[in-house]
Amino acid sequence: MLAGLTGMHLLLVAAIVLVLFGATKLPVFAKSLGQTVKVLRTELHPESEPVPAPTAAENPAP
């Protein structure tokens, strides 16, 4: 269904999104989309929750 899309099509969609939402709303939209994906991943696959990265206090430099 989407096999005929090219780079030009993606640029056109990106331009339309930029015009509709504006440059100031896009970072907020991207952040909320990322948080939504993160929540959905943890709900759909709870056994594969990401391991938190060690902090500097837990892993001191040599």
PDB file of N, CA and C in Angstrom:
ATOM      1  N   MET A   1       0.820  -1.192   0.000  1.00  0.00           N
ATOM      2  CA  MET A   1       0.000   0.000   0.000  1.00  0.00           C
ATOM      3  C   MET A   1       0.869   1.263   0.000  1.00  0.00           C
ATOM      4  N   LEU A   2       1.933   1.265   0.782  1.00  0.00           N
ATOM      5  CA  LEU A   2       2.800   2.440   0.860  1.00  0.00           C
ATOM      6  C   LEU A   2       4.083   2.259   0.063  1.00  0.00           C
ATOM      7  N   ALA A   3       4.130   1.274  -0.812  1.00  0.00           N
ATOM      8  CA  ALA A   3       5.350   0.968  -1.549  1.00  0.00           C
ATOM      9  C   ALA A   3       5.722   2.064  -2.543  1.00  0.00           C
ATOM     10  N   GLY A   4       4.770   2.860  -2.990  1.00  0.00           N
ATOM     11  CA  GLY A   4       5.048   3.871  -3.991  1.00  0.00           C
ATOM     12  C   GLY A   4       5.537   5.196  -3.421  1.00  0.00           C
ATOM     13  N   LEU A   5       5.713   5.297  -2.102  1.00  0.00           N
ATOM     14  CA  LEU A   5       6.163   6.557  -1.502  1.00  0.00           C
ATOM     15  C   LEU A   5       7.651   6.762  -1.739  1.00  0.00           C
ATOM     16  N   THR A   6       8.005   7.982  -2.071  1.00  0.00           N
ATOM     17  CA  THR A   6       9.407   8.331  -2.277  1.00  0.00           C
ATOM     18  C   THR A   6       9.803   9.416  -1.280  1.00  0.00           C
ATOM     19  N   GLY A   7      11.047   9.823  -1.349  1.00  0.00           N
ATOM     20  CA  GLY A   7      11.529  10.885  -0.481  1.00  0.00           C
ATOM     21  C   GLY A   7      10.802  12.199  -0.702  1.00  0.00           C
ATOM     22  N   MET A   8      10.399  12.446  -1.942  1.00  0.00           N
ATOM     23  CA  MET A   8       9.681  13.678  -2.256  1.00  0.00           C
ATOM     24  C   MET A   8       8.314  13.693  -1.567  1.00  0.00           C
ATOM     25  N   HIS A   9       7.666  12.533  -1.513  1.00  0.00           N
ATOM     26  CA  HIS A   9       6.380  12.448  -0.824  1.00  0.00           C
ATOM     27  C   HIS A   9       6.540  12.752   0.667  1.00  0.00           C
ATOM     28  N   LEU A  10       7.604  12.208   1.267  1.00  0.00           N
ATOM     29  CA  LEU A  10       7.841  12.450   2.689  1.00  0.00           C
ATOM     30  C   LEU A  10       8.146  13.927   2.964  1.00  0.00           C
ATOM     31  N   LEU A  11       8.875  14.558   2.069  1.00  0.00           N
ATOM     32  CA  LEU A  11       9.141  15.989   2.233  1.00  0.00           C
ATOM     33  C   LEU A  11       7.861  16.804   2.130  1.00  0.00           C
ATOM     34  N   LEU A  12       6.985  16.416   1.235  1.00  0.00           N
ATOM     35  CA  LEU A  12       5.706  17.107   1.084  1.00  0.00           C
ATOM     36  C   LEU A  12       4.858  16.947   2.340  1.00  0.00           C
ATOM     37  N   VAL A  13       4.808  15.754   2.892  1.00  0.00           N
ATOM     38  CA  VAL A  13       4.051  15.522   4.132  1.00  0.00           C
ATOM     39  C   VAL A  13       4.664  16.332   5.276  1.00  0.00           C
ATOM     40  N   ALA A  14       5.989  16.361   5.374  1.00  0.00           N
ATOM     41  CA  ALA A  14       6.654  17.138   6.426  1.00  0.00           C
ATOM     42  C   ALA A  14       6.337  18.629   6.290  1.00  0.00           C
ATOM     43  N   ALA A  15       6.313  19.140   5.076  1.00  0.00           N
ATOM     44  CA  ALA A  15       5.991  20.552   4.855  1.00  0.00           C
ATOM     45  C   ALA A  15       4.549  20.851   5.259  1.00  0.00           C
ATOM     46  N   ILE A  16       3.641  19.959   4.928  1.00  0.00           N
ATOM     47  CA  ILE A  16       2.228  20.161   5.300  1.00  0.00           C
ATOM     48  C   ILE A  16       2.067  20.153   6.818  1.00  0.00           C
ATOM     49  N   VAL A  17       2.742  19.221   7.477  1.00  0.00           N
ATOM     50  CA  VAL A  17       2.676  19.160   8.940  1.00  0.00           C
ATOM     51  C   VAL A  17       3.248  20.432   9.544  1.00  0.00           C
ATOM     52  N   LEU A  18       4.336  20.932   9.001  1.00  0.00           N
ATOM     53  CA  LEU A  18       4.950  22.166   9.498  1.00  0.00           C
ATOM     54  C   LEU A  18       4.003  23.349   9.336  1.00  0.00           C
ATOM     55  N   VAL A  19       3.308  23.421   8.215  1.00  0.00           N
ATOM     56  CA  VAL A  19       2.369  24.517   7.980  1.00  0.00           C
ATOM     57  C   VAL A  19       1.169  24.405   8.909  1.00  0.00           C
ATOM     58  N   LEU A  20       0.664  23.197   9.098  1.00  0.00           N
ATOM     59  CA  LEU A  20      -0.533  23.015   9.936  1.00  0.00           C
ATOM     60  C   LEU A  20      -0.260  23.284  11.414  1.00  0.00           C
ATOM     61  N   PHE A  21       0.842  22.771  11.932  1.00  0.00           N
ATOM     62  CA  PHE A  21       1.096  22.871  13.368  1.00  0.00           C
ATOM     63  C   PHE A  21       2.013  24.025  13.742  1.00  0.00           C
ATOM     64  N   GLY A  22       2.856  24.453  12.862  1.00  0.00           N
ATOM     65  CA  GLY A  22       3.794  25.523  13.168  1.00  0.00           C
ATOM     66  C   GLY A  22       5.048  24.977  13.820  1.00  0.00           C
ATOM     67  N   ALA A  23       6.121  25.711  13.690  1.00  0.00           N
ATOM     68  CA  ALA A  23       7.412  25.250  14.190  1.00  0.00           C
ATOM     69  C   ALA A  23       7.465  25.189  15.710  1.00  0.00           C
ATOM     70  N   THR A  24       6.669  25.993  16.401  1.00  0.00           N
ATOM     71  CA  THR A  24       6.729  25.993  17.863  1.00  0.00           C
ATOM     72  C   THR A  24       6.004  24.805  18.475  1.00  0.00           C
ATOM     73  N   LYS A  25       5.030  24.254  17.788  1.00  0.00           N
ATOM     74  CA  LYS A  25       4.268  23.130  18.327  1.00  0.00           C
ATOM     75  C   LYS A  25       4.915  21.780  18.042  1.00  0.00           C
ATOM     76  N   LEU A  26       5.797  21.680  17.061  1.00  0.00           N
ATOM     77  CA  LEU A  26       6.366  20.399  16.675  1.00  0.00           C
ATOM     78  C   LEU A  26       7.199  19.735  17.772  1.00  0.00           C
ATOM     79  N   PRO A  27       8.060  20.438  18.501  1.00  0.00           N
ATOM     80  CA  PRO A  27       8.801  19.758  19.570  1.00  0.00           C
ATOM     81  C   PRO A  27       7.889  19.212  20.670  1.00  0.00           C
ATOM     82  N   VAL A  28       6.843  19.940  20.995  1.00  0.00           N
ATOM     83  CA  VAL A  28       5.890  19.470  22.002  1.00  0.00           C
ATOM     84  C   VAL A  28       5.167  18.230  21.501  1.00  0.00           C
ATOM     85  N   PHE A  29       4.789  18.248  20.230  1.00  0.00           N
ATOM     86  CA  PHE A  29       4.117  17.108  19.631  1.00  0.00           C
ATOM     87  C   PHE A  29       5.033  15.883  19.607  1.00  0.00           C
ATOM     88  N   ALA A  30       6.290  16.068  19.242  1.00  0.00           N
ATOM     89  CA  ALA A  30       7.241  14.963  19.176  1.00  0.00           C
ATOM     90  C   ALA A  30       7.486  14.369  20.560  1.00  0.00           C
ATOM     91  N   LYS A  31       7.584  15.224  21.573  1.00  0.00           N
ATOM     92  CA  LYS A  31       7.805  14.745  22.937  1.00  0.00           C
ATOM     93  C   LYS A  31       6.613  13.926  23.420  1.00  0.00           C
ATOM     94  N   SER A  32       5.412  14.417  23.184  1.00  0.00           N
ATOM     95  CA  SER A  32       4.232  13.676  23.630  1.00  0.00           C
ATOM     96  C   SER A  32       4.072  12.379  22.849  1.00  0.00           C
ATOM     97  N   LEU A  33       4.443  12.369  21.587  1.00  0.00           N
ATOM     98  CA  LEU A  33       4.390  11.143  20.796  1.00  0.00           C
ATOM     99  C   LEU A  33       5.390  10.117  21.340  1.00  0.00           C
ATOM    100  N   GLY A  34       6.576  10.563  21.688  1.00  0.00           N
ATOM    101  CA  GLY A  34       7.577   9.665  22.267  1.00  0.00           C
ATOM    102  C   GLY A  34       7.133   9.093  23.595  1.00  0.00           C
ATOM    103  N   GLN A  35       6.513   9.917  24.438  1.00  0.00           N
ATOM    104  CA  GLN A  35       6.008   9.423  25.715  1.00  0.00           C
ATOM    105  C   GLN A  35       4.891   8.418  25.512  1.00  0.00           C
ATOM    106  N   THR A  36       4.043   8.646  24.530  1.00  0.00           N
ATOM    107  CA  THR A  36       2.952   7.721  24.233  1.00  0.00           C
ATOM    108  C   THR A  36       3.496   6.374  23.776  1.00  0.00           C
ATOM    109  N   VAL A  37       4.491   6.394  22.914  1.00  0.00           N
ATOM    110  CA  VAL A  37       5.095   5.153  22.437  1.00  0.00           C
ATOM    111  C   VAL A  37       5.737   4.406  23.607  1.00  0.00           C
ATOM    112  N   LYS A  38       6.391   5.131  24.489  1.00  0.00           N
ATOM    113  CA  LYS A  38       7.040   4.516  25.650  1.00  0.00           C
ATOM    114  C   LYS A  38       6.014   3.836  26.557  1.00  0.00           C
ATOM    115  N   VAL A  39       4.886   4.501  26.803  1.00  0.00           N
ATOM    116  CA  VAL A  39       3.837   3.928  27.640  1.00  0.00           C
ATOM    117  C   VAL A  39       3.237   2.700  26.976  1.00  0.00           C
ATOM    118  N   LEU A  40       2.976   2.786  25.676  1.00  0.00           N
ATOM    119  CA  LEU A  40       2.401   1.645  24.971  1.00  0.00           C
ATOM    120  C   LEU A  40       3.338   0.443  24.973  1.00  0.00           C
ATOM    121  N   ARG A  41       4.619   0.671  24.838  1.00  0.00           N
ATOM    122  CA  ARG A  41       5.576  -0.441  24.866  1.00  0.00           C
ATOM    123  C   ARG A  41       5.575  -1.130  26.220  1.00  0.00           C
ATOM    124  N   THR A  42       5.523  -0.361  27.300  1.00  0.00           N
ATOM    125  CA  THR A  42       5.537  -0.976  28.624  1.00  0.00           C
ATOM    126  C   THR A  42       4.228  -1.694  28.916  1.00  0.00           C
ATOM    127  N   GLU A  43       3.112  -1.220  28.364  1.00  0.00           N
ATOM    128  CA  GLU A  43       1.832  -1.892  28.584  1.00  0.00           C
ATOM    129  C   GLU A  43       1.701  -3.143  27.743  1.00  0.00           C
ATOM    130  N   LEU A  44       2.211  -3.116  26.522  1.00  0.00           N
ATOM    131  CA  LEU A  44       2.091  -4.273  25.648  1.00  0.00           C
ATOM    132  C   LEU A  44       3.118  -5.353  25.953  1.00  0.00           C
ATOM    133  N   HIS A  45       4.306  -4.953  26.391  1.00  0.00           N
ATOM    134  CA  HIS A  45       5.384  -5.895  26.690  1.00  0.00           C
ATOM    135  C   HIS A  45       5.989  -5.566  28.055  1.00  0.00           C
ATOM    136  N   PRO A  46       5.293  -5.877  29.143  1.00  0.00           N
ATOM    137  CA  PRO A  46       5.816  -5.505  30.471  1.00  0.00           C
ATOM    138  C   PRO A  46       7.094  -6.250  30.843  1.00  0.00           C
ATOM    139  N   GLU A  47       7.348  -7.423  30.245  1.00  0.00           N
ATOM    140  CA  GLU A  47       8.553  -8.173  30.585  1.00  0.00           C
ATOM    141  C   GLU A  47       9.807  -7.553  29.988  1.00  0.00           C
ATOM    142  N   SER A  48       9.670  -6.675  29.027  1.00  0.00           N
ATOM    143  CA  SER A  48      10.826  -6.065  28.386  1.00  0.00           C
ATOM    144  C   SER A  48      10.971  -4.592  28.763  1.00  0.00           C
ATOM    145  N   GLU A  49      10.729  -4.278  30.031  1.00  0.00           N
ATOM    146  CA  GLU A  49      10.880  -2.892  30.483  1.00  0.00           C
ATOM    147  C   GLU A  49      12.343  -2.495  30.409  1.00  0.00           C
ATOM    148  N   PRO A  50      12.635  -1.280  29.988  1.00  0.00           N
ATOM    149  CA  PRO A  50      14.035  -0.852  29.879  1.00  0.00           C
ATOM    150  C   PRO A  50      14.694  -0.752  31.246  1.00  0.00           C
ATOM    151  N   VAL A  51      15.961  -1.113  31.277  1.00  0.00           N
ATOM    152  CA  VAL A  51      16.741  -1.016  32.509  1.00  0.00           C
ATOM    153  C   VAL A  51      17.254   0.408  32.605  1.00  0.00           C
ATOM    154  N   PRO A  52      17.061   1.066  33.766  1.00  0.00           N
ATOM    155  CA  PRO A  52      17.545   2.451  33.879  1.00  0.00           C
ATOM    156  C   PRO A  52      19.060   2.515  33.807  1.00  0.00           C
ATOM    157  N   ALA A  53      19.558   3.567  33.205  1.00  0.00           N
ATOM    158  CA  ALA A  53      20.998   3.762  33.064  1.00  0.00           C
ATOM    159  C   ALA A  53      21.612   4.047  34.431  1.00  0.00           C
ATOM    160  N   PRO A  54      22.804   3.537  34.681  1.00  0.00           N
ATOM    161  CA  PRO A  54      23.464   3.795  35.980  1.00  0.00           C
ATOM    162  C   PRO A  54      23.834   5.265  36.112  1.00  0.00           C
ATOM    163  N   THR A  55      23.700   5.780  37.302  1.00  0.00           N
ATOM    164  CA  THR A  55      24.067   7.168  37.556  1.00  0.00           C
ATOM    165  C   THR A  55      25.545   7.263  37.889  1.00  0.00           C
ATOM    166  N   ALA A  56      26.068   8.472  37.988  1.00  0.00           N
ATOM    167  CA  ALA A  56      27.491   8.669  38.299  1.00  0.00           C
ATOM    168  C   ALA A  56      27.805   8.177  39.706  1.00  0.00           C
ATOM    169  N   ALA A  57      26.852   8.248  40.647  1.00  0.00           N
ATOM    170  CA  ALA A  57      27.096   7.796  42.005  1.00  0.00           C
ATOM    171  C   ALA A  57      27.186   6.264  42.055  1.00  0.00           C
ATOM    172  N   GLU A  58      26.458   5.565  41.192  1.00  0.00           N
ATOM    173  CA  GLU A  58      26.489   4.108  41.183  1.00  0.00           C
ATOM    174  C   GLU A  58      27.705   3.564  40.451  1.00  0.00           C
ATOM    175  N   ASN A  59      28.241   4.311  39.505  1.00  0.00           N
ATOM    176  CA  ASN A  59      29.346   3.855  38.687  1.00  0.00           C
ATOM    177  C   ASN A  59      30.433   4.944  38.695  1.00  0.00           C
ATOM    178  N   PRO A  60      31.231   5.016  39.770  1.00  0.00           N
ATOM    179  CA  PRO A  60      32.237   6.094  39.855  1.00  0.00           C
ATOM    180  C   PRO A  60      33.343   5.899  38.810  1.00  0.00           C
ATOM    181  N   ALA A  61      33.889   7.011  38.385  1.00  0.00           N
ATOM    182  CA  ALA A  61      34.982   6.996  37.405  1.00  0.00           C
ATOM    183  C   ALA A  61      36.253   6.492  38.060  1.00  0.00           C
ATOM    184  N   PRO A  62      37.101   5.771  37.319  1.00  0.00           N
ATOM    185  CA  PRO A  62      38.353   5.232  37.906  1.00  0.00           C
ATOM    186  C   PRO A  62      39.360   6.290  38.207  1.00  0.00           C
TER     187      PRO A  62
END
